């Protein structure tokens, strides 16, 4: 059974920082592209960042320079370091794993991030 379990969300003041973690089980973590998506109230889910198996990274324009994605294959965990948070970052953040060759994808249950002004 595949599980992606996010943690690290919470309430933070504008300009603050948070680190999200996503622990994966049930998959060969190292061969999956791992990503973070977010969904704010009344909005569509959007890609925040992803990191490939080769550790190439991609970021949404809105978070470039503020967020950093990383992965630890030994711990089957992907991280999202979020700095200089703004109210527009308030959303539920979801961990995502995908493998294009087999068209497999998995989602976590989400973790709430709320940035107060």
Protein backbone atom coordinates (compact mmCIF):
# COMPACT_ATOMS: atom_id res chain seq x y z
CA UNK A 1 0.00 0.00 0.00
CA UNK A 2 1.40 3.35 -1.06
CA UNK A 3 1.36 6.14 1.48
CA UNK A 4 2.56 9.71 1.27
CA UNK A 5 2.35 11.40 4.66
CA UNK A 6 2.90 15.13 4.89
CA UNK A 7 3.87 17.00 8.02
CA UNK A 8 5.15 20.40 9.03
CA UNK A 9 2.22 22.60 8.16
CA UNK A 10 0.80 25.14 10.53
CA UNK A 11 0.20 28.80 11.26
CA UNK A 12 3.03 31.23 10.62
CA UNK A 13 3.33 34.99 10.45
CA UNK A 14 4.04 36.83 7.25
CA UNK A 15 7.76 36.67 6.53
CA UNK A 16 8.19 33.49 8.50
CA UNK A 17 9.38 30.06 7.47
CA UNK A 18 8.14 26.49 7.50
CA UNK A 19 9.54 23.15 6.42
CA UNK A 20 7.15 20.60 4.98
CA UNK A 21 8.09 16.95 4.92
CA UNK A 22 6.57 14.06 3.01
CA UNK A 23 7.45 10.53 4.00
CA UNK A 24 6.75 7.90 1.37
CA UNK A 25 6.20 4.19 1.80
CA UNK A 26 5.16 1.40 -0.51
CA UNK A 27 7.09 2.75 -3.49
CA UNK A 28 10.69 2.67 -4.67
CA UNK A 29 11.10 6.28 -3.69
CA UNK A 30 14.31 6.96 -5.56
CA UNK A 31 12.82 6.37 -9.00
CA UNK A 32 9.85 8.69 -8.56
CA UNK A 33 9.63 12.34 -9.36
CA UNK A 34 8.41 14.03 -6.19
CA UNK A 35 6.47 17.23 -6.04
CA UNK A 36 4.45 19.63 -3.98
CA UNK A 37 1.13 21.09 -5.06
CA UNK A 38 -1.14 23.47 -3.21
CA UNK A 39 -4.78 24.41 -3.27
CA UNK A 40 -6.14 27.60 -1.80
CA UNK A 41 -9.85 28.01 -1.01
CA UNK A 42 -11.85 28.53 -4.18
CA UNK A 43 -8.86 27.93 -6.42
CA UNK A 44 -7.56 25.07 -8.48
CA UNK A 45 -4.73 22.90 -7.28
CA UNK A 46 -1.44 24.20 -8.63
CA UNK A 47 2.09 22.91 -8.91
CA UNK A 48 4.50 24.48 -6.45
CA UNK A 49 7.66 22.54 -7.15
CA UNK A 50 9.03 19.19 -8.17
CA UNK A 51 12.33 17.34 -8.01
CA UNK A 52 13.26 14.57 -10.39
CA UNK A 53 15.04 11.34 -9.63
CA UNK A 54 18.16 13.06 -10.95
CA UNK A 55 17.52 15.95 -8.53
CA UNK A 56 16.62 18.50 -11.18
CA UNK A 57 14.17 20.99 -9.73
CA UNK A 58 11.36 23.18 -10.98
CA UNK A 59 9.45 25.96 -9.23
CA UNK A 60 6.34 27.99 -9.83
CA UNK A 61 7.21 31.60 -10.56
CA UNK A 62 5.38 32.71 -7.44
CA UNK A 63 7.74 30.80 -5.13
CA UNK A 64 11.08 31.06 -6.94
CA UNK A 65 13.76 32.35 -4.64
CA UNK A 66 11.67 31.66 -1.54
CA UNK A 67 11.00 27.90 -1.60
CA UNK A 68 13.50 25.06 -1.91
CA UNK A 69 12.65 21.45 -2.62
CA UNK A 70 14.98 18.61 -1.69
CA UNK A 71 14.87 14.87 -1.26
CA UNK A 72 16.57 12.30 0.93
CA UNK A 73 16.34 8.94 -0.78
CA UNK A 74 17.77 7.16 2.26
CA UNK A 75 14.80 8.40 4.30
CA UNK A 76 12.21 8.18 1.50
CA UNK A 77 11.38 11.79 2.23
CA UNK A 78 10.92 14.95 0.22
CA UNK A 79 11.08 18.38 1.81
CA UNK A 80 9.84 21.84 0.96
CA UNK A 81 11.59 24.68 2.74
CA UNK A 82 9.42 27.78 2.58
CA UNK A 83 10.85 31.17 3.48
CA UNK A 84 9.53 34.71 3.44
CA UNK A 85 5.98 33.42 3.46
CA UNK A 86 3.17 35.69 2.35
CA UNK A 87 -0.59 35.44 2.71
CA UNK A 88 -0.89 34.18 -0.86
CA UNK A 89 0.97 31.03 0.24
CA UNK A 90 -1.96 30.04 2.45
CA UNK A 91 -3.24 26.73 1.12
CA UNK A 92 -3.40 23.01 1.65
CA UNK A 93 -0.11 21.56 0.45
CA UNK A 94 -0.11 18.12 -1.12
CA UNK A 95 2.76 15.76 -1.73
CA UNK A 96 2.80 14.05 -5.10
CA UNK A 97 4.77 11.16 -6.56
CA UNK A 98 4.77 10.21 -10.19
CA UNK A 99 6.58 7.99 -12.60
CA UNK A 100 5.96 8.86 -16.22
CA UNK A 101 7.13 5.55 -17.65
CA UNK A 102 4.34 3.67 -15.89
CA UNK A 103 1.88 6.58 -15.62
CA UNK A 104 1.64 5.98 -11.90
CA UNK A 105 0.91 8.80 -9.53
CA UNK A 106 0.09 9.09 -5.86
CA UNK A 107 -1.09 11.87 -3.57
CA UNK A 108 -0.76 12.62 0.09
CA UNK A 109 -3.65 13.74 2.24
CA UNK A 110 -2.45 17.33 2.47
CA UNK A 111 -1.22 19.64 5.19
CA UNK A 112 -2.57 23.10 5.91
CA UNK A 113 -0.30 26.13 5.75
CA UNK A 114 -1.76 29.40 6.96
CA UNK A 115 0.14 32.67 6.75
CA UNK A 116 -1.20 35.43 8.93
CA UNK A 117 -0.65 39.09 8.23
